[in-house]
């Protein structure tokens, strides 16, 4: 089992972030992992009827099937490699496993109309 699979399995089993799991995320993903954990702790992972969105510092990013609309994911990462994820996609993975996704019973397109 790879380092990435290890933290995903451990987190799914534990249902909460512990020191060893945080260490494993940081070891596998470095700064991206740190930013993902911060986003989850700050409740910036939002689930709408159509998309999961991570609120960044400058914009909101749609995460779907492990892919993201950010420039890091588009230009720097191999989307076929599960160890290469932007911090937005990692935040969704973490939030889903610790039940920290902020659910909204509306379409994201409705929210975007207000922004």
C-alpha atoms as a PDB file:
ATOM      1  CA  UNK A   1       0.000   0.000   0.000  1.00  0.00           C
ATOM      2  CA  UNK A   2       1.398   3.425  -0.922  1.00  0.00           C
ATOM      3  CA  UNK A   3       1.873   6.297   1.490  1.00  0.00           C
ATOM      4  CA  UNK A   4      -1.158   8.046  -0.025  1.00  0.00           C
ATOM      5  CA  UNK A   5      -3.363   4.959   0.236  1.00  0.00           C
ATOM      6  CA  UNK A   6      -2.193   4.531   3.839  1.00  0.00           C
ATOM      7  CA  UNK A   7      -3.377   7.931   5.065  1.00  0.00           C
ATOM      8  CA  UNK A   8      -6.633   7.656   3.121  1.00  0.00           C
ATOM      9  CA  UNK A   9      -7.404   4.249   4.641  1.00  0.00           C
ATOM     10  CA  UNK A  10      -6.324   5.327   8.141  1.00  0.00           C
ATOM     11  CA  UNK A  11      -8.432   8.478   7.963  1.00  0.00           C
ATOM     12  CA  UNK A  12     -11.482   6.629   6.637  1.00  0.00           C
ATOM     13  CA  UNK A  13     -11.148   4.132   9.486  1.00  0.00           C
ATOM     14  CA  UNK A  14     -10.513   6.702  12.243  1.00  0.00           C
ATOM     15  CA  UNK A  15     -12.994   9.315  11.025  1.00  0.00           C
ATOM     16  CA  UNK A  16     -10.870  12.074  12.538  1.00  0.00           C
ATOM     17  CA  UNK A  17      -7.509  13.697  12.062  1.00  0.00           C
ATOM     18  CA  UNK A  18      -4.920  12.433  14.534  1.00  0.00           C
ATOM     19  CA  UNK A  19      -1.245  13.313  14.812  1.00  0.00           C
ATOM     20  CA  UNK A  20       0.007  10.270  12.882  1.00  0.00           C
ATOM     21  CA  UNK A  21      -2.552  10.780  10.097  1.00  0.00           C
ATOM     22  CA  UNK A  22      -1.689  14.481   9.795  1.00  0.00           C
ATOM     23  CA  UNK A  23       2.004  13.506   9.663  1.00  0.00           C
ATOM     24  CA  UNK A  24       1.250  10.986   6.897  1.00  0.00           C
ATOM     25  CA  UNK A  25      -0.674  13.592   4.867  1.00  0.00           C
ATOM     26  CA  UNK A  26       2.148  16.114   5.269  1.00  0.00           C
ATOM     27  CA  UNK A  27       4.760  13.491   4.389  1.00  0.00           C
ATOM     28  CA  UNK A  28       2.884  12.525   1.215  1.00  0.00           C
ATOM     29  CA  UNK A  29       1.766  15.984   0.094  1.00  0.00           C
ATOM     30  CA  UNK A  30       3.839  18.632   1.890  1.00  0.00           C
ATOM     31  CA  UNK A  31       2.513  22.184   1.656  1.00  0.00           C
ATOM     32  CA  UNK A  32      -0.526  21.053  -0.361  1.00  0.00           C
ATOM     33  CA  UNK A  33      -1.456  18.709   2.488  1.00  0.00           C
ATOM     34  CA  UNK A  34      -1.035  21.493   5.054  1.00  0.00           C
ATOM     35  CA  UNK A  35      -3.270  23.854   3.085  1.00  0.00           C
ATOM     36  CA  UNK A  36      -5.877  21.079   2.681  1.00  0.00           C
ATOM     37  CA  UNK A  37      -5.970  20.418   6.432  1.00  0.00           C
ATOM     38  CA  UNK A  38      -6.323  24.156   7.100  1.00  0.00           C
ATOM     39  CA  UNK A  39      -9.229  24.420   4.636  1.00  0.00           C
ATOM     40  CA  UNK A  40     -11.026  21.531   6.342  1.00  0.00           C
ATOM     41  CA  UNK A  41     -10.478  22.997   9.811  1.00  0.00           C
ATOM     42  CA  UNK A  42     -11.792  26.346   8.557  1.00  0.00           C
ATOM     43  CA  UNK A  43     -14.904  24.652   7.060  1.00  0.00           C
ATOM     44  CA  UNK A  44     -14.131  25.787   3.513  1.00  0.00           C
ATOM     45  CA  UNK A  45     -15.271  22.555   1.794  1.00  0.00           C
ATOM     46  CA  UNK A  46     -18.836  23.043   0.541  1.00  0.00           C
ATOM     47  CA  UNK A  47     -21.087  20.450  -1.091  1.00  0.00           C
ATOM     48  CA  UNK A  48     -23.883  21.690  -3.331  1.00  0.00           C
ATOM     49  CA  UNK A  49     -26.367  19.630  -5.321  1.00  0.00           C
ATOM     50  CA  UNK A  50     -24.119  19.690  -8.366  1.00  0.00           C
ATOM     51  CA  UNK A  51     -20.538  20.277  -7.177  1.00  0.00           C
ATOM     52  CA  UNK A  52     -18.160  20.200  -4.271  1.00  0.00           C
ATOM     53  CA  UNK A  53     -16.421  23.532  -3.917  1.00  0.00           C
ATOM     54  CA  UNK A  54     -13.370  24.547  -1.920  1.00  0.00           C
ATOM     55  CA  UNK A  55     -13.177  28.194  -0.954  1.00  0.00           C
ATOM     56  CA  UNK A  56      -9.674  29.463  -1.554  1.00  0.00           C
ATOM     57  CA  UNK A  57      -8.222  32.809  -0.568  1.00  0.00           C
ATOM     58  CA  UNK A  58      -8.854  34.380  -3.976  1.00  0.00           C
ATOM     59  CA  UNK A  59     -11.554  32.241  -5.592  1.00  0.00           C
ATOM     60  CA  UNK A  60     -13.691  29.130  -5.265  1.00  0.00           C
ATOM     61  CA  UNK A  61     -12.624  25.918  -6.978  1.00  0.00           C
ATOM     62  CA  UNK A  62     -14.862  23.105  -8.194  1.00  0.00           C
ATOM     63  CA  UNK A  63     -13.585  19.626  -7.328  1.00  0.00           C
ATOM     64  CA  UNK A  64     -15.054  16.676  -9.221  1.00  0.00           C
ATOM     65  CA  UNK A  65     -13.831  13.076  -9.339  1.00  0.00           C
ATOM     66  CA  UNK A  66     -10.460  14.023  -7.846  1.00  0.00           C
ATOM     67  CA  UNK A  67      -9.916  16.809 -10.381  1.00  0.00           C
ATOM     68  CA  UNK A  68     -10.003  20.527  -9.724  1.00  0.00           C
ATOM     69  CA  UNK A  69     -10.478  23.724 -11.712  1.00  0.00           C
ATOM     70  CA  UNK A  70      -7.396  25.434 -10.210  1.00  0.00           C
ATOM     71  CA  UNK A  71      -4.300  26.265 -12.246  1.00  0.00           C
ATOM     72  CA  UNK A  72      -2.099  24.008 -10.088  1.00  0.00           C
ATOM     73  CA  UNK A  73      -4.178  20.962 -11.059  1.00  0.00           C
ATOM     74  CA  UNK A  74      -4.410  22.064 -14.667  1.00  0.00           C
ATOM     75  CA  UNK A  75      -0.732  22.801 -15.284  1.00  0.00           C
ATOM     76  CA  UNK A  76       1.416  21.125 -12.632  1.00  0.00           C
ATOM     77  CA  UNK A  77      -0.127  17.777 -11.717  1.00  0.00           C
ATOM     78  CA  UNK A  78      -0.729  14.412 -13.371  1.00  0.00           C
ATOM     79  CA  UNK A  79      -4.440  13.779 -12.832  1.00  0.00           C
ATOM     80  CA  UNK A  80      -3.919  10.051 -13.434  1.00  0.00           C
ATOM     81  CA  UNK A  81      -1.572   9.816 -10.432  1.00  0.00           C
ATOM     82  CA  UNK A  82      -3.552   9.704  -7.128  1.00  0.00           C
ATOM     83  CA  UNK A  83      -0.508  10.955  -5.231  1.00  0.00           C
ATOM     84  CA  UNK A  84      -0.621  14.206  -7.208  1.00  0.00           C
ATOM     85  CA  UNK A  85      -3.560  16.305  -6.074  1.00  0.00           C
ATOM     86  CA  UNK A  86      -3.897  20.038  -5.543  1.00  0.00           C
ATOM     87  CA  UNK A  87      -4.729  21.164  -2.032  1.00  0.00           C
ATOM     88  CA  UNK A  88      -8.383  21.732  -2.996  1.00  0.00           C
ATOM     89  CA  UNK A  89      -8.851  18.088  -4.061  1.00  0.00           C
ATOM     90  CA  UNK A  90      -6.975  16.900  -0.968  1.00  0.00           C
ATOM     91  CA  UNK A  91      -9.234  19.053   1.221  1.00  0.00           C
ATOM     92  CA  UNK A  92     -12.303  17.344  -0.249  1.00  0.00           C
ATOM     93  CA  UNK A  93     -10.787  13.909   0.394  1.00  0.00           C
ATOM     94  CA  UNK A  94      -9.993  14.796   4.002  1.00  0.00           C
ATOM     95  CA  UNK A  95     -13.330  16.516   4.662  1.00  0.00           C
ATOM     96  CA  UNK A  96     -15.326  13.573   3.296  1.00  0.00           C
ATOM     97  CA  UNK A  97     -13.462  11.126   5.541  1.00  0.00           C
ATOM     98  CA  UNK A  98     -13.947  13.188   8.726  1.00  0.00           C
ATOM     99  CA  UNK A  99     -17.531  14.234   7.936  1.00  0.00           C
ATOM    100  CA  UNK A 100     -16.550  17.895   7.714  1.00  0.00           C
ATOM    101  CA  UNK A 101     -18.189  18.793   4.396  1.00  0.00           C
ATOM    102  CA  UNK A 102     -20.546  21.779   4.678  1.00  0.00           C
ATOM    103  CA  UNK A 103     -23.696  20.643   2.832  1.00  0.00           C
ATOM    104  CA  UNK A 104     -25.948  23.148   1.044  1.00  0.00           C
ATOM    105  CA  UNK A 105     -29.252  22.068  -0.451  1.00  0.00           C
ATOM    106  CA  UNK A 106     -28.994  24.289  -3.492  1.00  0.00           C
ATOM    107  CA  UNK A 107     -27.282  24.398  -6.867  1.00  0.00           C
ATOM    108  CA  UNK A 108     -23.852  25.968  -7.009  1.00  0.00           C
ATOM    109  CA  UNK A 109     -24.945  27.994 -10.047  1.00  0.00           C
ATOM    110  CA  UNK A 110     -27.504  29.700  -7.775  1.00  0.00           C
ATOM    111  CA  UNK A 111     -24.738  30.666  -5.352  1.00  0.00           C
ATOM    112  CA  UNK A 112     -22.521  32.006  -8.145  1.00  0.00           C
ATOM    113  CA  UNK A 113     -25.284  34.419  -9.152  1.00  0.00           C
ATOM    114  CA  UNK A 114     -24.829  36.176  -5.786  1.00  0.00           C
ATOM    115  CA  UNK A 115     -21.027  36.431  -5.986  1.00  0.00           C
END
